[in-house]
Amino acid sequence: MEQPIGPLSSFDYDLLVVGAGSGGQAVAKEAVGFNKKVLVIDPVTPFSEGTTSAPLLSSPLSSILAPLFSFLSVLGWSSVTMATVRKLLHRASQLGQDIQDSQKYGWRFKETASHSWGGLSDALLGHAESCVLGVRRDLTECGAAYLRAGWEMLAPHVVEVTDTDGRKSRLSVGTLVIDPGERPRYPGVPGDREHCVTSNELFSRPRPPGRTLVVGGSPEGVECAGFLAGLGHEVTLMLPTSDLLPGFDLKLSQKIENHMLVHGVHFLYEHTLSKVEQIGAQDEGVSAAALLGPPGGLRASLLSRDGPATQEDFDTVLLAAGMEPSTSNIGLERVGVKCSPDGRVLVNELDQTSVDHVYCLCSSSSSSSSSSSSSSSSSSGLGPHCPSPVLRARSGRLLAHRLYGGPTPPCDYSNIPLVLFTPLEYSACGLSEERANATFGEANIEVYHSYYWPLEWTVPPRDKNSCYVKVICHVPDQERVVGLHLMGPHAGDIVQGFSAAMTCGLTKRQLDATAGLQPTAAQVLTSLTVTQRESEAMMVRGNC
C-alpha cells in the first residue's frame, strides 16, 4: 500500500475515510490537498449478504461467475457506477421502442431485431469496470492510500482492519469519516436469501430473467420493472399497499403507474411475500440467487390483505423493498456513535456524529435545525437518505474544508434535483404538491400544469397524453417556484437546468419571461397558463 507523505502526527493517519463512493472520494482528495495523511478503506462485504457463495464457487460455473462476484464488490460500485448503470439500463429498454419508431421514419431492417441479455450484461460490466478503475487511479494519484479491507472500531481513534487475506492490524486515526453504503433489504421470509435476487445482481445474470416478480414499490423496484418490461419480459410489480412510490408527489406517482400499466407491467396491490421455493430442475450446488436464471422456476407464496393466500410461479423473484444502511457490526456502538432505529447514523447539520471525531456523510439528522434540509430533499420522493453521487461529493468536499480549512457552511439540501428512470423518465426539484400544501397552506399554493407531446413522438404517432409537467408556486412570495416536476423524455436533463434557476429564487413571472426554445420539449415550462384549480373546476362542470 502506497503511503502518502504528510506532516508528522501522533496518529497513523490524520483521516480515515470508510467508503469509496463519491462522498468518500471527495473528502479524501480535499484532505490530501490540505497536506493530510489519508487512508481510504473500501469495505469488503459479501456480494449479496445472505446469499450462498460457497456452493457457487465450488460449482462448475465458478470459472464464469467467480470473477463477477470479485469485481462487483470493488471500489465505487454502490455510488457513481450504480447511478450510471441505472440510466444505461433505462436506455437499453428505450432502444426497443426506438427501433419500432424508426420504421415510421423510413428505416428498414433486413432482419427482425432481437435483444441479447448477454450482450447487455457484457456492455454494462465493461462500463462499470472502466469507472471503477478510473476512480481507484484518481485516489492513488492524488496521494491518498487505498485499501480493500474489513474494518471495525475498537475504541475512540482506534480501528481494526482485516485485509482480504484475513490479516488483522490496528490503526490510530485522528478523524474518521464514514460514507455509508447501503444494502438491499430482505423481507425475512423463507427462501428470500436463497432463491431471490436484488437489483444489484439482476443485470449480471448470464441468462435473461424471464417471467419476473418484483417485490416492493420502491424507486429501484419501479425502475427494474420498467426496464425489464421494455426488454420484452413479463413483469408483475407487487405492492404491500395500494400506493406506488410512497413519498413521491401523489399525482405524478399515479401518472407513472398508469403509463406502466399501458406499457405492459402488471400490478398486484396489497400483497406481501411469505415464501419462495425452488421448483423444477436446477444445477446441483447452485442456488437460484447464484444468478442462473431459467430453467428451473420459483414458486412464490403471496399473502393478500383481504383475500386468501395464493401461489404463483416465476422464473425470477426480484426483491426491491428498499435499502438499509451498512452500519451493523462495525463497532459504532462501542465508541458511542448513536444511530436511528433503522441503523442510520445520527448527525448534526455539520455531518458530525455524537462522537466529536467521527463524521458521517448524508445521513440522518438528529438536530431540529436540519429539518428543513431533510424536508426539502425528501419532498420529491427519494428521501434524504438516497442522495445522488454528486450531492455526496459536494457534502464530502465541504466537510474536508470544514475540518481543515476553517469555517465552512453546511451542505444545502434544498432544491436538489432528482431523477427516476421509469419507462417514462420522471424528474423533480423542490417540494411535492402535498409537502407544499402542508408547509405553506393549500390556499397559498398555485399549481400550473400541462400535458405535452414531444415532437419526435408525433411521427409514429404514440403516447399523446403521457408527458406531463407541473410547477408549484408559493403565491405570497411573488409566486416563487417551490416545486417543479416533469415526466417525459430526458426529464432529468431538463430539470437540471431549471434547478439552477430555482436555487436563485425563480418566480413564475420570470419563468413566463423566459424565451422558449422551439421545437424542444423544455419550452413547455415557459408557457404554462392553466392552473390545477381551473382544470378541476372544468371537470366538475363537465367541460373536459
Foldseek 3Di string as FASTA:
>chain_A
DDWFDADDDPFPFQEEEEAQALLSLQLLLLLVVLRTTYEYEQEDDFLAPLEDDVLCCVDPCVVPCVVVRVVCSAHHNQAPLVVVVLVVLLVVLVVLVVVLLVVLVPDDDPDDDADQLQVQLVVSSVVSVVVRVVSVVVSVVSRYHYAHWHWADDEQQKMWTQHPVRDIDITGYNFYEYAWGKHFDFPPAAPRRQAAEAPSCQSNFNDHQAEEEEEAQALSSLSVLQSSLSNPHQYEYEYLAPFHQPLAQRVVSVLLVVVVVVSHYHYHHNKHWHYKDKDDDDPPSGTNRSRHFDDTKMKTWMDHPPDHIDIDIGRHYYYDRDIAIPQPPRHCVVHPQDADPRGWTEDDLLQATPDRRYGYFQTHYPDPVCVVLQQFLSQNRNGSNDDHSVQSSVQSNQNSCVVNVHDGDGRRNAQDKDWRSRNFIKIKTAHHPVSCCVVQNPVQKWKFKDFQAQPSCPSSPDDGRSKMKMWIFRNVVQRFTRMIMTTHPPNRVLSVVVSVVSVVGDHLVVLLVDDADPPGPSSVSNDTDDIPVNVVVCVVVVND
